[in-house]
mmCIF file of all heavy atoms, coordinates in Angstrom:
data_MODEL
# 
_entry.id   MODEL 
# 
loop_
_atom_site.group_PDB 
_atom_site.id 
_atom_site.type_symbol 
_atom_site.label_atom_id 
_atom_site.label_alt_id 
_atom_site.label_comp_id 
_atom_site.label_asym_id 
_atom_site.label_entity_id 
_atom_site.label_seq_id 
_atom_site.pdbx_PDB_ins_code 
_atom_site.Cartn_x 
_atom_site.Cartn_y 
_atom_site.Cartn_z 
_atom_site.occupancy 
_atom_site.B_iso_or_equiv 
_atom_site.pdbx_formal_charge 
_atom_site.auth_seq_id 
_atom_site.auth_comp_id 
_atom_site.auth_asym_id 
_atom_site.auth_atom_id 
_atom_site.pdbx_PDB_model_num 
ATOM 1   N N   . ILE A 1 1  ? 20.697  -15.850 6.842  1.00 0.00 ? 1  ILE A N   1 
ATOM 2   C CA  . ILE A 1 1  ? 19.755  -15.975 7.997  1.00 0.00 ? 1  ILE A CA  1 
ATOM 3   C C   . ILE A 1 1  ? 19.775  -14.822 8.948  1.00 0.00 ? 1  ILE A C   1 
ATOM 4   O O   . ILE A 1 1  ? 18.697  -14.375 9.402  1.00 0.00 ? 1  ILE A O   1 
ATOM 5   C CB  . ILE A 1 1  ? 20.091  -17.263 8.751  1.00 0.00 ? 1  ILE A CB  1 
ATOM 6   C CG1 . ILE A 1 1  ? 19.594  -18.516 7.935  1.00 0.00 ? 1  ILE A CG1 1 
ATOM 7   C CG2 . ILE A 1 1  ? 19.324  -17.308 10.155 1.00 0.00 ? 1  ILE A CG2 1 
ATOM 8   C CD1 . ILE A 1 1  ? 19.900  -19.830 8.517  1.00 0.00 ? 1  ILE A CD1 1 
ATOM 9   N N   . PRO A 1 2  ? 20.920  -14.115 9.207  1.00 0.00 ? 2  PRO A N   1 
ATOM 10  C CA  . PRO A 1 2  ? 20.843  -12.972 10.112 1.00 0.00 ? 2  PRO A CA  1 
ATOM 11  C C   . PRO A 1 2  ? 20.085  -11.801 9.622  1.00 0.00 ? 2  PRO A C   1 
ATOM 12  O O   . PRO A 1 2  ? 19.571  -10.938 10.389 1.00 0.00 ? 2  PRO A O   1 
ATOM 13  C CB  . PRO A 1 2  ? 22.346  -12.556 10.217 1.00 0.00 ? 2  PRO A CB  1 
ATOM 14  C CG  . PRO A 1 2  ? 23.085  -13.891 9.907  1.00 0.00 ? 2  PRO A CG  1 
ATOM 15  C CD  . PRO A 1 2  ? 22.262  -14.541 8.891  1.00 0.00 ? 2  PRO A CD  1 
ATOM 16  N N   . VAL A 1 3  ? 19.877  -11.625 8.303  1.00 0.00 ? 3  VAL A N   1 
ATOM 17  C CA  . VAL A 1 3  ? 19.109  -10.526 7.764  1.00 0.00 ? 3  VAL A CA  1 
ATOM 18  C C   . VAL A 1 3  ? 17.558  -10.812 7.670  1.00 0.00 ? 3  VAL A C   1 
ATOM 19  O O   . VAL A 1 3  ? 16.794  -9.908  7.363  1.00 0.00 ? 3  VAL A O   1 
ATOM 20  C CB  . VAL A 1 3  ? 19.644  -9.985  6.459  1.00 0.00 ? 3  VAL A CB  1 
ATOM 21  C CG1 . VAL A 1 3  ? 21.107  -9.534  6.625  1.00 0.00 ? 3  VAL A CG1 1 
ATOM 22  C CG2 . VAL A 1 3  ? 19.523  -10.952 5.362  1.00 0.00 ? 3  VAL A CG2 1 
ATOM 23  N N   . ILE A 1 4  ? 17.193  -12.051 7.881  1.00 0.00 ? 4  ILE A N   1 
ATOM 24  C CA  . ILE A 1 4  ? 15.803  -12.390 7.616  1.00 0.00 ? 4  ILE A CA  1 
ATOM 25  C C   . ILE A 1 4  ? 14.916  -11.659 8.583  1.00 0.00 ? 4  ILE A C   1 
ATOM 26  O O   . ILE A 1 4  ? 13.849  -11.065 8.151  1.00 0.00 ? 4  ILE A O   1 
ATOM 27  C CB  . ILE A 1 4  ? 15.585  -13.894 7.791  1.00 0.00 ? 4  ILE A CB  1 
ATOM 28  C CG1 . ILE A 1 4  ? 16.269  -14.647 6.650  1.00 0.00 ? 4  ILE A CG1 1 
ATOM 29  C CG2 . ILE A 1 4  ? 14.077  -14.280 7.758  1.00 0.00 ? 4  ILE A CG2 1 
ATOM 30  C CD1 . ILE A 1 4  ? 15.863  -14.175 5.287  1.00 0.00 ? 4  ILE A CD1 1 
ATOM 31  N N   . PRO A 1 5  ? 15.149  -11.550 9.865  1.00 0.00 ? 5  PRO A N   1 
ATOM 32  C CA  . PRO A 1 5  ? 14.244  -10.803 10.775 1.00 0.00 ? 5  PRO A CA  1 
ATOM 33  C C   . PRO A 1 5  ? 14.060  -9.338  10.389 1.00 0.00 ? 5  PRO A C   1 
ATOM 34  O O   . PRO A 1 5  ? 12.971  -8.778  10.399 1.00 0.00 ? 5  PRO A O   1 
ATOM 35  C CB  . PRO A 1 5  ? 14.848  -10.980 12.181 1.00 0.00 ? 5  PRO A CB  1 
ATOM 36  C CG  . PRO A 1 5  ? 15.599  -12.201 12.055 1.00 0.00 ? 5  PRO A CG  1 
ATOM 37  C CD  . PRO A 1 5  ? 16.088  -12.310 10.701 1.00 0.00 ? 5  PRO A CD  1 
ATOM 38  N N   . GLU A 1 6  ? 15.194  -8.706  9.990  1.00 0.00 ? 6  GLU A N   1 
ATOM 39  C CA  . GLU A 1 6  ? 15.111  -7.333  9.572  1.00 0.00 ? 6  GLU A CA  1 
ATOM 40  C C   . GLU A 1 6  ? 14.409  -7.149  8.234  1.00 0.00 ? 6  GLU A C   1 
ATOM 41  O O   . GLU A 1 6  ? 13.678  -6.173  8.078  1.00 0.00 ? 6  GLU A O   1 
ATOM 42  C CB  . GLU A 1 6  ? 16.570  -6.798  9.417  1.00 0.00 ? 6  GLU A CB  1 
ATOM 43  C CG  . GLU A 1 6  ? 17.307  -6.780  10.776 1.00 0.00 ? 6  GLU A CG  1 
ATOM 44  C CD  . GLU A 1 6  ? 18.873  -6.712  10.539 1.00 0.00 ? 6  GLU A CD  1 
ATOM 45  O OE1 . GLU A 1 6  ? 19.238  -6.764  9.407  1.00 0.00 ? 6  GLU A OE1 1 
ATOM 46  O OE2 . GLU A 1 6  ? 19.512  -6.672  11.624 1.00 0.00 ? 6  GLU A OE2 1 
ATOM 47  N N   . THR A 1 7  ? 14.534  -8.120  7.349  1.00 0.00 ? 7  THR A N   1 
ATOM 48  C CA  . THR A 1 7  ? 13.854  -8.052  6.088  1.00 0.00 ? 7  THR A CA  1 
ATOM 49  C C   . THR A 1 7  ? 12.366  -8.226  6.331  1.00 0.00 ? 7  THR A C   1 
ATOM 50  O O   . THR A 1 7  ? 11.555  -7.456  5.709  1.00 0.00 ? 7  THR A O   1 
ATOM 51  C CB  . THR A 1 7  ? 14.374  -9.156  5.191  1.00 0.00 ? 7  THR A CB  1 
ATOM 52  O OG1 . THR A 1 7  ? 15.804  -9.087  5.010  1.00 0.00 ? 7  THR A OG1 1 
ATOM 53  C CG2 . THR A 1 7  ? 13.704  -9.140  3.763  1.00 0.00 ? 7  THR A CG2 1 
ATOM 54  N N   . ILE A 1 8  ? 11.943  -9.165  7.174  1.00 0.00 ? 8  ILE A N   1 
ATOM 55  C CA  . ILE A 1 8  ? 10.579  -9.287  7.426  1.00 0.00 ? 8  ILE A CA  1 
ATOM 56  C C   . ILE A 1 8  ? 9.965   -8.147  8.116  1.00 0.00 ? 8  ILE A C   1 
ATOM 57  O O   . ILE A 1 8  ? 8.839   -7.662  7.795  1.00 0.00 ? 8  ILE A O   1 
ATOM 58  C CB  . ILE A 1 8  ? 10.317  -10.645 8.376  1.00 0.00 ? 8  ILE A CB  1 
ATOM 59  C CG1 . ILE A 1 8  ? 10.725  -11.799 7.487  1.00 0.00 ? 8  ILE A CG1 1 
ATOM 60  C CG2 . ILE A 1 8  ? 8.944   -10.668 8.889  1.00 0.00 ? 8  ILE A CG2 1 
ATOM 61  C CD1 . ILE A 1 8  ? 10.847  -13.116 8.283  1.00 0.00 ? 8  ILE A CD1 1 
ATOM 62  N N   . THR A 1 9  ? 10.736  -7.473  9.144  1.00 0.00 ? 9  THR A N   1 
ATOM 63  C CA  . THR A 1 9  ? 10.196  -6.327  9.737  1.00 0.00 ? 9  THR A CA  1 
ATOM 64  C C   . THR A 1 9  ? 9.948   -5.156  8.779  1.00 0.00 ? 9  THR A C   1 
ATOM 65  O O   . THR A 1 9  ? 8.960   -4.441  8.807  1.00 0.00 ? 9  THR A O   1 
ATOM 66  C CB  . THR A 1 9  ? 11.265  -5.923  10.900 1.00 0.00 ? 9  THR A CB  1 
ATOM 67  O OG1 . THR A 1 9  ? 11.291  -6.864  11.769 1.00 0.00 ? 9  THR A OG1 1 
ATOM 68  C CG2 . THR A 1 9  ? 10.725  -4.643  11.549 1.00 0.00 ? 9  THR A CG2 1 
ATOM 69  N N   . ALA A 1 10 ? 10.956  -5.081  7.853  1.00 0.00 ? 10 ALA A N   1 
ATOM 70  C CA  . ALA A 1 10 ? 10.782  -3.927  6.814  1.00 0.00 ? 10 ALA A CA  1 
ATOM 71  C C   . ALA A 1 10 ? 9.659   -4.207  5.917  1.00 0.00 ? 10 ALA A C   1 
ATOM 72  O O   . ALA A 1 10 ? 8.848   -3.275  5.575  1.00 0.00 ? 10 ALA A O   1 
ATOM 73  C CB  . ALA A 1 10 ? 12.093  -3.866  5.985  1.00 0.00 ? 10 ALA A CB  1 
ATOM 74  N N   . ALA A 1 11 ? 9.397   -5.481  5.481  1.00 0.00 ? 11 ALA A N   1 
ATOM 75  C CA  . ALA A 1 11 ? 8.284   -5.798  4.622  1.00 0.00 ? 11 ALA A CA  1 
ATOM 76  C C   . ALA A 1 11 ? 6.995   -5.565  5.352  1.00 0.00 ? 11 ALA A C   1 
ATOM 77  O O   . ALA A 1 11 ? 6.059   -4.986  4.787  1.00 0.00 ? 11 ALA A O   1 
ATOM 78  C CB  . ALA A 1 11 ? 8.383   -7.300  4.257  1.00 0.00 ? 11 ALA A CB  1 
ATOM 79  N N   . ILE A 1 12 ? 6.896   -5.912  6.614  1.00 0.00 ? 12 ILE A N   1 
ATOM 80  C CA  . ILE A 1 12 ? 5.716   -5.717  7.413  1.00 0.00 ? 12 ILE A CA  1 
ATOM 81  C C   . ILE A 1 12 ? 5.407   -4.172  7.518  1.00 0.00 ? 12 ILE A C   1 
ATOM 82  O O   . ILE A 1 12 ? 4.328   -3.738  7.254  1.00 0.00 ? 12 ILE A O   1 
ATOM 83  C CB  . ILE A 1 12 ? 5.739   -6.326  8.830  1.00 0.00 ? 12 ILE A CB  1 
ATOM 84  C CG1 . ILE A 1 12 ? 5.703   -7.835  8.668  1.00 0.00 ? 12 ILE A CG1 1 
ATOM 85  C CG2 . ILE A 1 12 ? 4.657   -5.826  9.701  1.00 0.00 ? 12 ILE A CG2 1 
ATOM 86  C CD1 . ILE A 1 12 ? 5.991   -8.593  10.025 1.00 0.00 ? 12 ILE A CD1 1 
ATOM 87  N N   . SER A 1 13 ? 6.450   -3.361  7.803  1.00 0.00 ? 13 SER A N   1 
ATOM 88  C CA  . SER A 1 13 ? 6.277   -1.974  7.828  1.00 0.00 ? 13 SER A CA  1 
ATOM 89  C C   . SER A 1 13 ? 5.812   -1.343  6.542  1.00 0.00 ? 13 SER A C   1 
ATOM 90  O O   . SER A 1 13 ? 4.846   -0.582  6.559  1.00 0.00 ? 13 SER A O   1 
ATOM 91  C CB  . SER A 1 13 ? 7.634   -1.234  8.179  1.00 0.00 ? 13 SER A CB  1 
ATOM 92  O OG  . SER A 1 13 ? 8.042   -1.512  9.625  1.00 0.00 ? 13 SER A OG  1 
ATOM 93  N N   . ALA A 1 14 ? 6.327   -1.785  5.494  1.00 0.00 ? 14 ALA A N   1 
ATOM 94  C CA  . ALA A 1 14 ? 5.920   -1.270  4.121  1.00 0.00 ? 14 ALA A CA  1 
ATOM 95  C C   . ALA A 1 14 ? 4.382   -1.695  3.920  1.00 0.00 ? 14 ALA A C   1 
ATOM 96  O O   . ALA A 1 14 ? 3.627   -0.884  3.417  1.00 0.00 ? 14 ALA A O   1 
ATOM 97  C CB  . ALA A 1 14 ? 6.823   -1.826  2.998  1.00 0.00 ? 14 ALA A CB  1 
ATOM 98  N N   . LEU A 1 15 ? 4.133   -2.940  4.161  1.00 0.00 ? 15 LEU A N   1 
ATOM 99  C CA  . LEU A 1 15 ? 2.756   -3.336  3.983  1.00 0.00 ? 15 LEU A CA  1 
ATOM 100 C C   . LEU A 1 15 ? 1.728   -2.687  4.846  1.00 0.00 ? 15 LEU A C   1 
ATOM 101 O O   . LEU A 1 15 ? 0.645   -2.321  4.447  1.00 0.00 ? 15 LEU A O   1 
ATOM 102 C CB  . LEU A 1 15 ? 2.586   -4.876  4.255  1.00 0.00 ? 15 LEU A CB  1 
ATOM 103 C CG  . LEU A 1 15 ? 3.339   -5.785  3.180  1.00 0.00 ? 15 LEU A CG  1 
ATOM 104 C CD1 . LEU A 1 15 ? 3.350   -7.231  3.691  1.00 0.00 ? 15 LEU A CD1 1 
ATOM 105 C CD2 . LEU A 1 15 ? 2.614   -5.669  1.865  1.00 0.00 ? 15 LEU A CD2 1 
ATOM 106 N N   . VAL A 1 16 ? 2.135   -2.316  6.086  1.00 0.00 ? 16 VAL A N   1 
ATOM 107 C CA  . VAL A 1 16 ? 1.251   -1.558  6.986  1.00 0.00 ? 16 VAL A CA  1 
ATOM 108 C C   . VAL A 1 16 ? 1.000   -0.169  6.471  1.00 0.00 ? 16 VAL A C   1 
ATOM 109 O O   . VAL A 1 16 ? -0.183  0.372   6.555  1.00 0.00 ? 16 VAL A O   1 
ATOM 110 C CB  . VAL A 1 16 ? 1.786   -1.597  8.433  1.00 0.00 ? 16 VAL A CB  1 
ATOM 111 C CG1 . VAL A 1 16 ? 1.134   -0.582  9.305  1.00 0.00 ? 16 VAL A CG1 1 
ATOM 112 C CG2 . VAL A 1 16 ? 1.712   -2.925  8.993  1.00 0.00 ? 16 VAL A CG2 1 
ATOM 113 N N   . VAL A 1 17 ? 2.069   0.505   5.997  1.00 0.00 ? 17 VAL A N   1 
ATOM 114 C CA  . VAL A 1 17 ? 1.957   1.816   5.407  1.00 0.00 ? 17 VAL A CA  1 
ATOM 115 C C   . VAL A 1 17 ? 0.957   1.762   4.217  1.00 0.00 ? 17 VAL A C   1 
ATOM 116 O O   . VAL A 1 17 ? 0.079   2.604   4.056  1.00 0.00 ? 17 VAL A O   1 
ATOM 117 C CB  . VAL A 1 17 ? 3.281   2.309   4.988  1.00 0.00 ? 17 VAL A CB  1 
ATOM 118 C CG1 . VAL A 1 17 ? 3.170   3.571   4.076  1.00 0.00 ? 17 VAL A CG1 1 
ATOM 119 C CG2 . VAL A 1 17 ? 4.154   2.718   6.259  1.00 0.00 ? 17 VAL A CG2 1 
ATOM 120 N N   . ARG A 1 18 ? 1.186   0.743   3.370  1.00 0.00 ? 18 ARG A N   1 
ATOM 121 C CA  . ARG A 1 18 ? 0.304   0.629   2.119  1.00 0.00 ? 18 ARG A CA  1 
ATOM 122 C C   . ARG A 1 18 ? -1.143  0.390   2.553  1.00 0.00 ? 18 ARG A C   1 
ATOM 123 O O   . ARG A 1 18 ? -2.050  0.992   2.022  1.00 0.00 ? 18 ARG A O   1 
ATOM 124 C CB  . ARG A 1 18 ? 0.797   -0.477  1.183  1.00 0.00 ? 18 ARG A CB  1 
ATOM 125 C CG  . ARG A 1 18 ? -0.087  -0.648  0.027  1.00 0.00 ? 18 ARG A CG  1 
ATOM 126 C CD  . ARG A 1 18 ? -0.005  0.529   -0.890 1.00 0.00 ? 18 ARG A CD  1 
ATOM 127 N NE  . ARG A 1 18 ? -0.804  0.317   -2.059 1.00 0.00 ? 18 ARG A NE  1 
ATOM 128 C CZ  . ARG A 1 18 ? -1.512  1.282   -2.673 1.00 0.00 ? 18 ARG A CZ  1 
ATOM 129 N NH1 . ARG A 1 18 ? -1.361  2.525   -2.246 1.00 0.00 ? 18 ARG A NH1 1 
ATOM 130 N NH2 . ARG A 1 18 ? -2.167  1.018   -3.758 1.00 0.00 ? 18 ARG A NH2 1 
ATOM 131 N N   . ARG A 1 19 ? -1.337  -0.465  3.580  1.00 0.00 ? 19 ARG A N   1 
ATOM 132 C CA  . ARG A 1 19 ? -2.698  -0.823  4.058  1.00 0.00 ? 19 ARG A CA  1 
ATOM 133 C C   . ARG A 1 19 ? -3.350  0.456   4.652  1.00 0.00 ? 19 ARG A C   1 
ATOM 134 O O   . ARG A 1 19 ? -4.552  0.715   4.377  1.00 0.00 ? 19 ARG A O   1 
ATOM 135 C CB  . ARG A 1 19 ? -2.647  -1.932  5.099  1.00 0.00 ? 19 ARG A CB  1 
ATOM 136 C CG  . ARG A 1 19 ? -3.992  -2.252  5.609  1.00 0.00 ? 19 ARG A CG  1 
ATOM 137 C CD  . ARG A 1 19 ? -4.010  -2.984  7.039  1.00 0.00 ? 19 ARG A CD  1 
ATOM 138 N NE  . ARG A 1 19 ? -3.294  -2.139  8.011  1.00 0.00 ? 19 ARG A NE  1 
ATOM 139 C CZ  . ARG A 1 19 ? -2.838  -2.530  9.047  1.00 0.00 ? 19 ARG A CZ  1 
ATOM 140 N NH1 . ARG A 1 19 ? -2.849  -3.891  9.336  1.00 0.00 ? 19 ARG A NH1 1 
ATOM 141 N NH2 . ARG A 1 19 ? -2.205  -1.828  9.923  1.00 0.00 ? 19 ARG A NH2 1 
ATOM 142 N N   . ASP A 1 20 ? -2.618  1.168   5.390  1.00 0.00 ? 20 ASP A N   1 
ATOM 143 C CA  . ASP A 1 20 ? -3.117  2.423   6.051  1.00 0.00 ? 20 ASP A CA  1 
ATOM 144 C C   . ASP A 1 20 ? -3.542  3.474   5.009  1.00 0.00 ? 20 ASP A C   1 
ATOM 145 O O   . ASP A 1 20 ? -4.500  4.178   5.194  1.00 0.00 ? 20 ASP A O   1 
ATOM 146 C CB  . ASP A 1 20 ? -2.154  2.991   7.082  1.00 0.00 ? 20 ASP A CB  1 
ATOM 147 C CG  . ASP A 1 20 ? -2.003  2.069   8.297  1.00 0.00 ? 20 ASP A CG  1 
ATOM 148 O OD1 . ASP A 1 20 ? -2.828  1.149   8.400  1.00 0.00 ? 20 ASP A OD1 1 
ATOM 149 O OD2 . ASP A 1 20 ? -1.107  2.276   9.084  1.00 0.00 ? 20 ASP A OD2 1 
ATOM 150 N N   . THR A 1 21 ? -2.751  3.504   3.853  1.00 0.00 ? 21 THR A N   1 
ATOM 151 C CA  . THR A 1 21 ? -3.036  4.451   2.825  1.00 0.00 ? 21 THR A CA  1 
ATOM 152 C C   . THR A 1 21 ? -4.319  4.038   2.097  1.00 0.00 ? 21 THR A C   1 
ATOM 153 O O   . THR A 1 21 ? -5.190  4.848   1.840  1.00 0.00 ? 21 THR A O   1 
ATOM 154 C CB  . THR A 1 21 ? -1.917  4.414   1.787  1.00 0.00 ? 21 THR A CB  1 
ATOM 155 O OG1 . THR A 1 21 ? -0.660  4.893   2.478  1.00 0.00 ? 21 THR A OG1 1 
ATOM 156 C CG2 . THR A 1 21 ? -2.172  5.355   0.615  1.00 0.00 ? 21 THR A CG2 1 
ATOM 157 N N   . LEU A 1 22 ? -4.487  2.759   1.930  1.00 0.00 ? 22 LEU A N   1 
ATOM 158 C CA  . LEU A 1 22 ? -5.691  2.298   1.252  1.00 0.00 ? 22 LEU A CA  1 
ATOM 159 C C   . LEU A 1 22 ? -6.864  2.515   2.228  1.00 0.00 ? 22 LEU A C   1 
ATOM 160 O O   . LEU A 1 22 ? -8.004  2.874   1.777  1.00 0.00 ? 22 LEU A O   1 
ATOM 161 C CB  . LEU A 1 22 ? -5.587  0.800   0.828  1.00 0.00 ? 22 LEU A CB  1 
ATOM 162 C CG  . LEU A 1 22 ? -4.637  0.482   -0.215 1.00 0.00 ? 22 LEU A CG  1 
ATOM 163 C CD1 . LEU A 1 22 ? -4.593  -1.031  -0.512 1.00 0.00 ? 22 LEU A CD1 1 
ATOM 164 C CD2 . LEU A 1 22 ? -4.840  1.281   -1.498 1.00 0.00 ? 22 LEU A CD2 1 
ATOM 165 N N   . GLN A 1 23 ? -6.675  2.334   3.526  1.00 0.00 ? 23 GLN A N   1 
ATOM 166 C CA  . GLN A 1 23 ? -7.743  2.403   4.461  1.00 0.00 ? 23 GLN A CA  1 
ATOM 167 C C   . GLN A 1 23 ? -8.221  4.010   4.466  1.00 0.00 ? 23 GLN A C   1 
ATOM 168 O O   . GLN A 1 23 ? -9.373  4.262   4.576  1.00 0.00 ? 23 GLN A O   1 
ATOM 169 C CB  . GLN A 1 23 ? -7.302  2.031   5.790  1.00 0.00 ? 23 GLN A CB  1 
ATOM 170 C CG  . GLN A 1 23 ? -8.450  2.179   6.934  1.00 0.00 ? 23 GLN A CG  1 
ATOM 171 C CD  . GLN A 1 23 ? -9.686  1.234   6.577  1.00 0.00 ? 23 GLN A CD  1 
ATOM 172 O OE1 . GLN A 1 23 ? -9.411  0.071   6.396  1.00 0.00 ? 23 GLN A OE1 1 
ATOM 173 N NE2 . GLN A 1 23 ? -10.817 1.724   6.591  1.00 0.00 ? 23 GLN A NE2 1 
ATOM 174 N N   . ALA A 1 24 ? -7.224  4.867   4.384  1.00 0.00 ? 24 ALA A N   1 
ATOM 175 C CA  . ALA A 1 24 ? -7.549  6.329   4.343  1.00 0.00 ? 24 ALA A CA  1 
ATOM 176 C C   . ALA A 1 24 ? -8.328  6.671   3.043  1.00 0.00 ? 24 ALA A C   1 
ATOM 177 O O   . ALA A 1 24 ? -9.300  7.467   3.200  1.00 0.00 ? 24 ALA A O   1 
ATOM 178 C CB  . ALA A 1 24 ? -6.294  7.175   4.325  1.00 0.00 ? 24 ALA A CB  1 
ATOM 179 N N   . GLU A 1 25 ? -7.997  6.028   1.948  1.00 0.00 ? 25 GLU A N   1 
ATOM 180 C CA  . GLU A 1 25 ? -8.769  6.312   0.694  1.00 0.00 ? 25 GLU A CA  1 
ATOM 181 C C   . GLU A 1 25 ? -10.242 5.695   0.899  1.00 0.00 ? 25 GLU A C   1 
ATOM 182 O O   . GLU A 1 25 ? -11.166 6.352   0.464  1.00 0.00 ? 25 GLU A O   1 
ATOM 183 C CB  . GLU A 1 25 ? -8.106  5.447   -0.451 1.00 0.00 ? 25 GLU A CB  1 
ATOM 184 C CG  . GLU A 1 25 ? -6.974  6.119   -1.004 1.00 0.00 ? 25 GLU A CG  1 
ATOM 185 C CD  . GLU A 1 25 ? -6.357  5.367   -2.165 1.00 0.00 ? 25 GLU A CD  1 
ATOM 186 O OE1 . GLU A 1 25 ? -7.091  4.880   -3.040 1.00 0.00 ? 25 GLU A OE1 1 
ATOM 187 O OE2 . GLU A 1 25 ? -5.104  5.265   -2.269 1.00 0.00 ? 25 GLU A OE2 1 
# 
């Protein structure tokens, strides 16, 4: 449970980077 918030934050960051890459394309 203690690592869930950090895991979710990392996943959101990775998804935002991917989304921004696709948006640039």
